[in-house]
Amino acid sequence: METREEEFLKKLAEAYANYDSSVIEEYLADDMHYASMWVFHEMTSKEEYLNYLRGKLETMKKVGSKFNFRIVDGSQHKKGLMVDDQAGFVVDFDDNGKVKMLNITYRAFF
């Protein structure tokens, strides 16, 4: 049976593949955080993250950029979403099953 973590990570890959952030909106807590090794500012709300993601996906769509995704096992997290075998996403949930932290980092930190 698929876990909430796997379900969300698959939806995140779908959002990138289809350039559509709306497929993950319902999963995000209002006070979720997003951290990236490439973004110096940690985002601290669903609204801020979705605005960032919409812009990123719009730019990717304009230039025809695509990533390859695969779900992998982790040690600190049960699952991670690898992006082009370079780095990837890990996720933590709050007590209500909503994403409280989304982090894109190196595989060693999965």
N, C-alpha and C. Protein backbone atom coordinates (compact mmCIF):
# COMPACT_ATOMS: atom_id res chain seq x y z
N MET A 1 0.84 -1.19 0.00
CA MET A 1 0.00 0.00 0.00
C MET A 1 0.88 1.25 0.00
N GLU A 2 0.50 2.20 -0.80
CA GLU A 2 1.26 3.43 -0.95
C GLU A 2 1.13 4.31 0.30
N THR A 3 2.24 4.85 0.77
CA THR A 3 2.22 5.74 1.93
C THR A 3 1.87 7.16 1.49
N ARG A 4 1.54 7.99 2.46
CA ARG A 4 1.26 9.41 2.19
C ARG A 4 2.48 10.07 1.55
N GLU A 5 3.65 9.68 2.05
CA GLU A 5 4.92 10.22 1.52
C GLU A 5 5.07 9.89 0.04
N GLU A 6 4.88 8.63 -0.32
CA GLU A 6 4.99 8.22 -1.73
C GLU A 6 3.92 8.91 -2.58
N GLU A 7 2.71 8.99 -2.06
CA GLU A 7 1.61 9.64 -2.79
C GLU A 7 1.97 11.09 -3.11
N PHE A 8 2.46 11.81 -2.10
CA PHE A 8 2.82 13.21 -2.32
C PHE A 8 3.98 13.34 -3.30
N LEU A 9 5.01 12.53 -3.12
CA LEU A 9 6.18 12.63 -4.01
C LEU A 9 5.81 12.34 -5.46
N LYS A 10 4.90 11.41 -5.68
CA LYS A 10 4.41 11.15 -7.05
C LYS A 10 3.64 12.35 -7.59
N LYS A 11 2.85 12.98 -6.75
CA LYS A 11 2.11 14.16 -7.17
C LYS A 11 3.06 15.33 -7.48
N LEU A 12 4.13 15.44 -6.69
CA LEU A 12 5.12 16.48 -6.94
C LEU A 12 5.79 16.26 -8.30
N ALA A 13 6.14 15.02 -8.60
CA ALA A 13 6.71 14.70 -9.91
C ALA A 13 5.71 15.03 -11.03
N GLU A 14 4.44 14.75 -10.78
CA GLU A 14 3.38 15.06 -11.76
C GLU A 14 3.28 16.57 -11.98
N ALA A 15 3.39 17.34 -10.89
CA ALA A 15 3.33 18.80 -10.99
C ALA A 15 4.44 19.32 -11.91
N TYR A 16 5.64 18.81 -11.72
CA TYR A 16 6.76 19.22 -12.58
C TYR A 16 6.58 18.73 -14.01
N ALA A 17 6.14 17.49 -14.19
CA ALA A 17 5.98 16.92 -15.53
C ALA A 17 4.94 17.67 -16.35
N ASN A 18 3.89 18.15 -15.66
CA ASN A 18 2.77 18.83 -16.34
C ASN A 18 2.79 20.34 -16.15
N TYR A 19 3.83 20.85 -15.49
CA TYR A 19 3.95 22.29 -15.24
C TYR A 19 2.70 22.84 -14.53
N ASP A 20 2.22 22.10 -13.53
CA ASP A 20 0.96 22.44 -12.87
C ASP A 20 1.06 22.26 -11.36
N SER A 21 1.21 23.36 -10.65
CA SER A 21 1.36 23.30 -9.19
C SER A 21 0.07 22.93 -8.48
N SER A 22 -1.07 23.05 -9.15
CA SER A 22 -2.35 22.81 -8.48
C SER A 22 -2.50 21.38 -7.97
N VAL A 23 -1.79 20.43 -8.56
CA VAL A 23 -1.95 19.03 -8.14
C VAL A 23 -1.40 18.77 -6.74
N ILE A 24 -0.58 19.68 -6.20
CA ILE A 24 -0.05 19.46 -4.85
C ILE A 24 -0.63 20.40 -3.80
N GLU A 25 -1.41 21.38 -4.21
CA GLU A 25 -1.91 22.40 -3.27
C GLU A 25 -2.61 21.81 -2.06
N GLU A 26 -3.46 20.83 -2.27
CA GLU A 26 -4.24 20.26 -1.16
C GLU A 26 -3.37 19.52 -0.14
N TYR A 27 -2.16 19.15 -0.51
CA TYR A 27 -1.26 18.43 0.39
C TYR A 27 -0.49 19.35 1.34
N LEU A 28 -0.45 20.63 1.04
CA LEU A 28 0.43 21.56 1.76
C LEU A 28 -0.26 22.23 2.94
N ALA A 29 0.42 22.24 4.09
CA ALA A 29 -0.05 23.00 5.24
C ALA A 29 0.14 24.49 4.95
N ASP A 30 -0.73 25.33 5.51
CA ASP A 30 -0.63 26.77 5.27
C ASP A 30 0.71 27.33 5.73
N ASP A 31 1.27 26.76 6.80
CA ASP A 31 2.54 27.24 7.35
C ASP A 31 3.73 26.35 6.97
N MET A 32 3.60 25.67 5.84
CA MET A 32 4.69 24.78 5.40
C MET A 32 5.95 25.57 5.11
N HIS A 33 7.07 24.86 5.16
CA HIS A 33 8.37 25.46 4.84
C HIS A 33 8.96 24.73 3.64
N TYR A 34 9.73 25.47 2.85
CA TYR A 34 10.45 24.89 1.71
C TYR A 34 11.89 25.38 1.78
N ALA A 35 12.80 24.43 1.75
CA ALA A 35 14.23 24.76 1.76
C ALA A 35 14.90 24.06 0.59
N SER A 36 15.84 24.76 0.00
CA SER A 36 16.57 24.22 -1.13
C SER A 36 18.03 24.62 -1.02
N MET A 37 18.89 23.72 -1.43
CA MET A 37 20.31 24.05 -1.42
C MET A 37 20.64 25.09 -2.49
N TRP A 38 19.71 25.37 -3.39
CA TRP A 38 19.92 26.36 -4.44
C TRP A 38 19.19 27.68 -4.19
N VAL A 39 18.31 27.70 -3.20
CA VAL A 39 17.55 28.91 -2.88
C VAL A 39 17.99 29.36 -1.49
N PHE A 40 18.52 30.56 -1.38
CA PHE A 40 19.10 31.03 -0.12
C PHE A 40 18.06 31.32 0.95
N HIS A 41 16.85 31.61 0.54
CA HIS A 41 15.78 31.97 1.47
C HIS A 41 14.89 30.77 1.73
N GLU A 42 14.69 30.40 3.00
CA GLU A 42 13.73 29.35 3.32
C GLU A 42 12.33 29.94 3.28
N MET A 43 11.48 29.37 2.48
CA MET A 43 10.11 29.85 2.37
C MET A 43 9.30 29.32 3.55
N THR A 44 8.37 30.13 4.04
CA THR A 44 7.70 29.78 5.29
C THR A 44 6.17 29.77 5.19
N SER A 45 5.65 29.64 3.98
CA SER A 45 4.20 29.51 3.86
C SER A 45 3.85 28.81 2.54
N LYS A 46 2.68 28.23 2.55
CA LYS A 46 2.13 27.59 1.35
C LYS A 46 2.03 28.61 0.21
N GLU A 47 1.52 29.79 0.52
CA GLU A 47 1.36 30.83 -0.49
C GLU A 47 2.70 31.22 -1.11
N GLU A 48 3.70 31.43 -0.29
CA GLU A 48 5.02 31.82 -0.80
C GLU A 48 5.61 30.71 -1.67
N TYR A 49 5.52 29.47 -1.22
CA TYR A 49 6.07 28.36 -1.99
C TYR A 49 5.33 28.20 -3.32
N LEU A 50 4.00 28.24 -3.29
CA LEU A 50 3.25 28.07 -4.53
C LEU A 50 3.53 29.19 -5.53
N ASN A 51 3.70 30.41 -5.06
CA ASN A 51 4.07 31.51 -5.97
C ASN A 51 5.42 31.23 -6.62
N TYR A 52 6.37 30.77 -5.82
CA TYR A 52 7.69 30.41 -6.34
C TYR A 52 7.57 29.27 -7.35
N LEU A 53 6.84 28.22 -6.98
CA LEU A 53 6.72 27.04 -7.84
C LEU A 53 6.01 27.39 -9.15
N ARG A 54 4.96 28.18 -9.09
CA ARG A 54 4.26 28.58 -10.33
C ARG A 54 5.22 29.28 -11.30
N GLY A 55 6.01 30.20 -10.76
CA GLY A 55 6.99 30.90 -11.60
C GLY A 55 8.03 29.97 -12.18
N LYS A 56 8.51 29.06 -11.37
CA LYS A 56 9.51 28.10 -11.82
C LYS A 56 8.94 27.20 -12.92
N LEU A 57 7.73 26.68 -12.71
CA LEU A 57 7.12 25.80 -13.70
C LEU A 57 6.79 26.54 -15.00
N GLU A 58 6.39 27.79 -14.88
CA GLU A 58 6.11 28.59 -16.07
C GLU A 58 7.38 28.78 -16.90
N THR A 59 8.48 29.08 -16.23
CA THR A 59 9.77 29.23 -16.92
C THR A 59 10.19 27.92 -17.56
N MET A 60 10.06 26.82 -16.83
CA MET A 60 10.42 25.50 -17.37
C MET A 60 9.60 25.18 -18.62
N LYS A 61 8.31 25.49 -18.57
CA LYS A 61 7.43 25.21 -19.71
C LYS A 61 7.85 26.04 -20.93
N LYS A 62 8.17 27.31 -20.71
CA LYS A 62 8.57 28.20 -21.83
C LYS A 62 9.81 27.67 -22.55
N VAL A 63 10.75 27.12 -21.79
CA VAL A 63 12.00 26.64 -22.40
C VAL A 63 11.97 25.14 -22.70
N GLY A 64 10.86 24.47 -22.35
CA GLY A 64 10.73 23.05 -22.63
C GLY A 64 11.58 22.16 -21.74
N SER A 65 11.86 22.63 -20.55
CA SER A 65 12.70 21.87 -19.62
C SER A 65 11.91 20.74 -18.97
N LYS A 66 12.52 19.57 -18.90
CA LYS A 66 11.91 18.39 -18.27
C LYS A 66 12.94 17.73 -17.37
N PHE A 67 12.46 17.13 -16.28
CA PHE A 67 13.31 16.36 -15.38
C PHE A 67 12.89 14.90 -15.41
N ASN A 68 13.81 14.04 -15.03
CA ASN A 68 13.50 12.63 -14.82
C ASN A 68 13.40 12.39 -13.33
N PHE A 69 12.31 11.77 -12.90
CA PHE A 69 12.07 11.53 -11.48
C PHE A 69 12.01 10.03 -11.20
N ARG A 70 12.43 9.68 -9.98
CA ARG A 70 12.21 8.32 -9.49
C ARG A 70 12.19 8.35 -7.97
N ILE A 71 11.32 7.55 -7.41
CA ILE A 71 11.23 7.45 -5.96
C ILE A 71 12.25 6.42 -5.48
N VAL A 72 13.00 6.81 -4.46
CA VAL A 72 14.06 5.94 -3.92
C VAL A 72 13.87 5.80 -2.41
N ASP A 73 14.47 4.76 -1.85
CA ASP A 73 14.47 4.58 -0.40
C ASP A 73 15.50 5.50 0.22
N GLY A 74 15.22 5.94 1.43
CA GLY A 74 16.14 6.80 2.15
C GLY A 74 16.49 6.20 3.50
N SER A 75 17.37 6.85 4.22
CA SER A 75 17.69 6.40 5.57
C SER A 75 17.08 7.33 6.61
N GLN A 76 17.11 8.63 6.37
CA GLN A 76 16.49 9.59 7.28
C GLN A 76 15.00 9.76 6.98
N HIS A 77 14.62 9.53 5.74
CA HIS A 77 13.23 9.53 5.30
C HIS A 77 12.99 8.20 4.62
N LYS A 78 11.79 7.68 4.73
CA LYS A 78 11.52 6.38 4.09
C LYS A 78 11.69 6.46 2.58
N LYS A 79 11.27 7.58 2.01
CA LYS A 79 11.33 7.75 0.56
C LYS A 79 11.83 9.15 0.21
N GLY A 80 12.41 9.25 -0.97
CA GLY A 80 12.81 10.53 -1.52
C GLY A 80 12.49 10.52 -3.00
N LEU A 81 12.39 11.69 -3.59
CA LEU A 81 12.12 11.82 -5.02
C LEU A 81 13.37 12.34 -5.70
N MET A 82 14.09 11.45 -6.36
CA MET A 82 15.32 11.83 -7.06
C MET A 82 14.97 12.60 -8.33
N VAL A 83 15.78 13.63 -8.60
CA VAL A 83 15.62 14.46 -9.79
C VAL A 83 16.89 14.31 -10.63
N ASP A 84 16.74 13.70 -11.79
CA ASP A 84 17.87 13.50 -12.71
C ASP A 84 19.08 12.86 -12.03
N ASP A 85 18.84 12.04 -11.02
CA ASP A 85 19.92 11.35 -10.28
C ASP A 85 20.98 12.29 -9.74
N GLN A 86 20.59 13.54 -9.47
CA GLN A 86 21.52 14.54 -8.94
C GLN A 86 21.23 14.86 -7.49
N ALA A 87 20.00 15.17 -7.21
CA ALA A 87 19.53 15.56 -5.88
C ALA A 87 18.04 15.23 -5.86
N GLY A 88 17.36 15.62 -4.80
CA GLY A 88 15.95 15.31 -4.79
C GLY A 88 15.22 15.88 -3.60
N PHE A 89 13.94 15.55 -3.55
CA PHE A 89 13.03 16.06 -2.53
C PHE A 89 12.80 15.04 -1.42
N VAL A 90 12.74 15.54 -0.20
CA VAL A 90 12.25 14.78 0.94
C VAL A 90 11.17 15.62 1.60
N VAL A 91 10.27 14.95 2.30
CA VAL A 91 9.10 15.64 2.84
C VAL A 91 8.80 15.16 4.26
N ASP A 92 8.32 16.09 5.09
CA ASP A 92 7.85 15.79 6.43
C ASP A 92 6.41 16.29 6.54
N PHE A 93 5.61 15.56 7.31
CA PHE A 93 4.20 15.89 7.46
C PHE A 93 3.87 16.33 8.88
N ASP A 94 2.82 17.14 9.00
CA ASP A 94 2.35 17.53 10.33
C ASP A 94 1.37 16.47 10.84
N ASP A 95 0.81 16.70 12.01
CA ASP A 95 -0.11 15.74 12.62
C ASP A 95 -1.41 15.56 11.84
N ASN A 96 -1.71 16.49 10.95
CA ASN A 96 -2.91 16.41 10.12
C ASN A 96 -2.65 15.77 8.76
N GLY A 97 -1.43 15.29 8.54
CA GLY A 97 -1.09 14.66 7.26
C GLY A 97 -0.79 15.64 6.14
N LYS A 98 -0.56 16.90 6.49
CA LYS A 98 -0.21 17.92 5.49
C LYS A 98 1.30 18.12 5.48
N VAL A 99 1.84 18.51 4.34
CA VAL A 99 3.27 18.77 4.21
C VAL A 99 3.64 19.96 5.08
N LYS A 100 4.56 19.73 6.02
CA LYS A 100 5.05 20.84 6.86
C LYS A 100 6.43 21.29 6.44
N MET A 101 7.19 20.39 5.79
CA MET A 101 8.54 20.73 5.33
C MET A 101 8.83 19.97 4.04
N LEU A 102 9.24 20.71 3.03
CA LEU A 102 9.70 20.13 1.77
C LEU A 102 11.10 20.64 1.55
N ASN A 103 12.00 19.72 1.30
CA ASN A 103 13.40 20.06 1.20
C ASN A 103 13.98 19.41 -0.05
N ILE A 104 14.73 20.17 -0.83
CA ILE A 104 15.46 19.58 -1.94
C ILE A 104 16.94 19.62 -1.56
N THR A 105 17.54 18.45 -1.60
CA THR A 105 18.89 18.30 -1.08
C THR A 105 19.63 17.16 -1.79
N TYR A 106 20.87 16.95 -1.41
CA TYR A 106 21.66 15.85 -1.97
C TYR A 106 21.16 14.50 -1.45
N ARG A 107 21.36 13.49 -2.24
CA ARG A 107 20.91 12.11 -1.92
C ARG A 107 21.42 11.65 -0.56
N ALA A 108 22.60 12.06 -0.17
CA ALA A 108 23.18 11.63 1.12
C ALA A 108 22.32 12.05 2.30
N PHE A 109 21.47 13.05 2.13
CA PHE A 109 20.62 13.52 3.23
C PHE A 109 19.21 12.95 3.19
N PHE A 110 18.98 11.98 2.31
CA PHE A 110 17.66 11.32 2.26
C PHE A 110 17.50 10.43 3.47
